[in-house]
Amino acid sequence: MGIVILLIVGGLIGWVASIIMRTDAQQGVILNVVVGIIGALIAGLVVTPLIGGAPITSGVISIPSVLVSLVGAILFLAIVNLFRRGSVR
């Protein structure tokens, strides 16, 4: 059951991050889930040591963990945009 919740929350985080970064028209449901999960992993490696909190991949689903994972997903989309377009946007 935990993996299903992780996929749903990861999809929602990826969707919100794609709306913030204005890449929503280019992404589908699967890519939103991938962005959310990879963003949570990036949050665990980069964001968590800087500002604290825990990403959703740690097993804790709370408002701070969702926000930390959202920051990681936005960072991931910014990096992808930088390599694909040459600008963060």
C-alpha atoms as a PDB file:
ATOM      1  CA  MET A   1       0.000   0.000   0.000  1.00  0.00           C
ATOM      2  CA  GLY A   2       2.928   2.344   0.689  1.00  0.00           C
ATOM      3  CA  ILE A   3       4.178   2.205  -2.915  1.00  0.00           C
ATOM      4  CA  VAL A   4       0.727   3.153  -4.232  1.00  0.00           C
ATOM      5  CA  ILE A   5       0.566   6.168  -1.932  1.00  0.00           C
ATOM      6  CA  LEU A   6       4.125   7.112  -2.933  1.00  0.00           C
ATOM      7  CA  LEU A   7       3.171   6.977  -6.626  1.00  0.00           C
ATOM      8  CA  ILE A   8       0.024   9.054  -6.094  1.00  0.00           C
ATOM      9  CA  VAL A   9       1.756  11.700  -3.981  1.00  0.00           C
ATOM     10  CA  GLY A  10       4.750  11.691  -6.340  1.00  0.00           C
ATOM     11  CA  GLY A  11       2.411  12.231  -9.278  1.00  0.00           C
ATOM     12  CA  LEU A  12       0.744  15.163  -7.555  1.00  0.00           C
ATOM     13  CA  ILE A  13       4.111  16.685  -6.653  1.00  0.00           C
ATOM     14  CA  GLY A  14       5.341  16.246 -10.238  1.00  0.00           C
ATOM     15  CA  TRP A  15       2.148  17.819 -11.581  1.00  0.00           C
ATOM     16  CA  VAL A  16       2.421  20.872  -9.306  1.00  0.00           C
ATOM     17  CA  ALA A  17       6.126  21.241 -10.116  1.00  0.00           C
ATOM     18  CA  SER A  18       5.389  21.077 -13.852  1.00  0.00           C
ATOM     19  CA  ILE A  19       2.736  23.783 -13.463  1.00  0.00           C
ATOM     20  CA  ILE A  20       5.186  25.995 -11.552  1.00  0.00           C
ATOM     21  CA  MET A  21       7.917  25.447 -14.164  1.00  0.00           C
ATOM     22  CA  ARG A  22       5.424  25.781 -17.071  1.00  0.00           C
ATOM     23  CA  THR A  23       6.178  22.353 -18.561  1.00  0.00           C
ATOM     24  CA  ASP A  24       2.741  20.863 -17.885  1.00  0.00           C
ATOM     25  CA  ALA A  25       1.682  20.817 -21.547  1.00  0.00           C
ATOM     26  CA  GLN A  26       4.699  18.668 -22.447  1.00  0.00           C
ATOM     27  CA  GLN A  27       4.242  16.083 -19.688  1.00  0.00           C
ATOM     28  CA  GLY A  28       1.790  13.298 -19.157  1.00  0.00           C
ATOM     29  CA  VAL A  29       0.748  11.389 -16.055  1.00  0.00           C
ATOM     30  CA  ILE A  30       3.673   8.954 -16.156  1.00  0.00           C
ATOM     31  CA  LEU A  31       6.234  11.724 -16.518  1.00  0.00           C
ATOM     32  CA  ASN A  32       4.626  13.642 -13.638  1.00  0.00           C
ATOM     33  CA  VAL A  33       5.065  10.589 -11.397  1.00  0.00           C
ATOM     34  CA  VAL A  34       8.681  10.193 -12.535  1.00  0.00           C
ATOM     35  CA  VAL A  35       9.401  13.882 -11.894  1.00  0.00           C
ATOM     36  CA  GLY A  36       7.820  13.668  -8.440  1.00  0.00           C
ATOM     37  CA  ILE A  37       9.769  10.570  -7.412  1.00  0.00           C
ATOM     38  CA  ILE A  38      13.100  11.799  -8.819  1.00  0.00           C
ATOM     39  CA  GLY A  39      12.421  15.183  -7.231  1.00  0.00           C
ATOM     40  CA  ALA A  40      11.917  13.480  -3.872  1.00  0.00           C
ATOM     41  CA  LEU A  41      15.202  11.630  -4.309  1.00  0.00           C
ATOM     42  CA  ILE A  42      16.984  14.894  -5.178  1.00  0.00           C
ATOM     43  CA  ALA A  43      15.353  16.489  -2.147  1.00  0.00           C
ATOM     44  CA  GLY A  44      16.751  13.726   0.028  1.00  0.00           C
ATOM     45  CA  LEU A  45      20.247  14.289  -1.301  1.00  0.00           C
ATOM     46  CA  VAL A  46      20.410  18.074  -1.728  1.00  0.00           C
ATOM     47  CA  VAL A  47      17.546  19.941  -0.065  1.00  0.00           C
ATOM     48  CA  THR A  48      17.204  17.986   3.181  1.00  0.00           C
ATOM     49  CA  PRO A  49      20.801  18.592   4.372  1.00  0.00           C
ATOM     50  CA  LEU A  50      20.411  22.317   3.657  1.00  0.00           C
ATOM     51  CA  ILE A  51      17.000  23.108   5.168  1.00  0.00           C
ATOM     52  CA  GLY A  52      15.989  19.969   7.037  1.00  0.00           C
ATOM     53  CA  GLY A  53      12.841  17.922   6.759  1.00  0.00           C
ATOM     54  CA  ALA A  54      12.370  14.571   5.102  1.00  0.00           C
ATOM     55  CA  PRO A  55      11.277  13.760   1.540  1.00  0.00           C
ATOM     56  CA  ILE A  56       8.300  11.521   0.770  1.00  0.00           C
ATOM     57  CA  THR A  57      10.641   8.652  -0.112  1.00  0.00           C
ATOM     58  CA  SER A  58      11.564   8.360   3.574  1.00  0.00           C
ATOM     59  CA  GLY A  59       8.116   6.934   4.253  1.00  0.00           C
ATOM     60  CA  VAL A  60       6.743  10.009   5.995  1.00  0.00           C
ATOM     61  CA  ILE A  61       3.921  11.778   4.167  1.00  0.00           C
ATOM     62  CA  SER A  62       3.396  15.147   5.834  1.00  0.00           C
ATOM     63  CA  ILE A  63       3.149  18.756   4.705  1.00  0.00           C
ATOM     64  CA  PRO A  64       6.881  19.482   5.294  1.00  0.00           C
ATOM     65  CA  SER A  65       7.910  16.308   3.449  1.00  0.00           C
ATOM     66  CA  VAL A  66       5.660  17.182   0.508  1.00  0.00           C
ATOM     67  CA  LEU A  67       7.077  20.720   0.373  1.00  0.00           C
ATOM     68  CA  VAL A  68      10.669  19.458   0.514  1.00  0.00           C
ATOM     69  CA  SER A  69       9.902  16.968  -2.263  1.00  0.00           C
ATOM     70  CA  LEU A  70       8.240  19.739  -4.301  1.00  0.00           C
ATOM     71  CA  VAL A  71      11.409  21.827  -4.047  1.00  0.00           C
ATOM     72  CA  GLY A  72      13.406  18.818  -5.247  1.00  0.00           C
ATOM     73  CA  ALA A  73      11.030  18.293  -8.191  1.00  0.00           C
ATOM     74  CA  ILE A  74      11.307  21.964  -9.161  1.00  0.00           C
ATOM     75  CA  LEU A  75      15.113  21.688  -9.015  1.00  0.00           C
ATOM     76  CA  PHE A  76      14.956  18.581 -11.201  1.00  0.00           C
ATOM     77  CA  LEU A  77      12.768  20.312 -13.817  1.00  0.00           C
ATOM     78  CA  ALA A  78      15.067  23.351 -13.762  1.00  0.00           C
ATOM     79  CA  ILE A  79      18.069  21.116 -14.472  1.00  0.00           C
ATOM     80  CA  VAL A  80      16.206  19.322 -17.277  1.00  0.00           C
ATOM     81  CA  ASN A  81      15.154  22.663 -18.810  1.00  0.00           C
ATOM     82  CA  LEU A  82      18.710  23.951 -18.552  1.00  0.00           C
ATOM     83  CA  PHE A  83      20.082  21.044 -20.568  1.00  0.00           C
ATOM     84  CA  ARG A  84      17.195  20.831 -23.014  1.00  0.00           C
ATOM     85  CA  ARG A  85      16.619  24.521 -23.771  1.00  0.00           C
ATOM     86  CA  GLY A  86      19.697  26.261 -22.440  1.00  0.00           C
ATOM     87  CA  SER A  87      17.658  28.267 -19.910  1.00  0.00           C
ATOM     88  CA  VAL A  88      15.937  27.454 -16.662  1.00  0.00           C
ATOM     89  CA  ARG A  89      12.849  29.413 -17.744  1.00  0.00           C
END
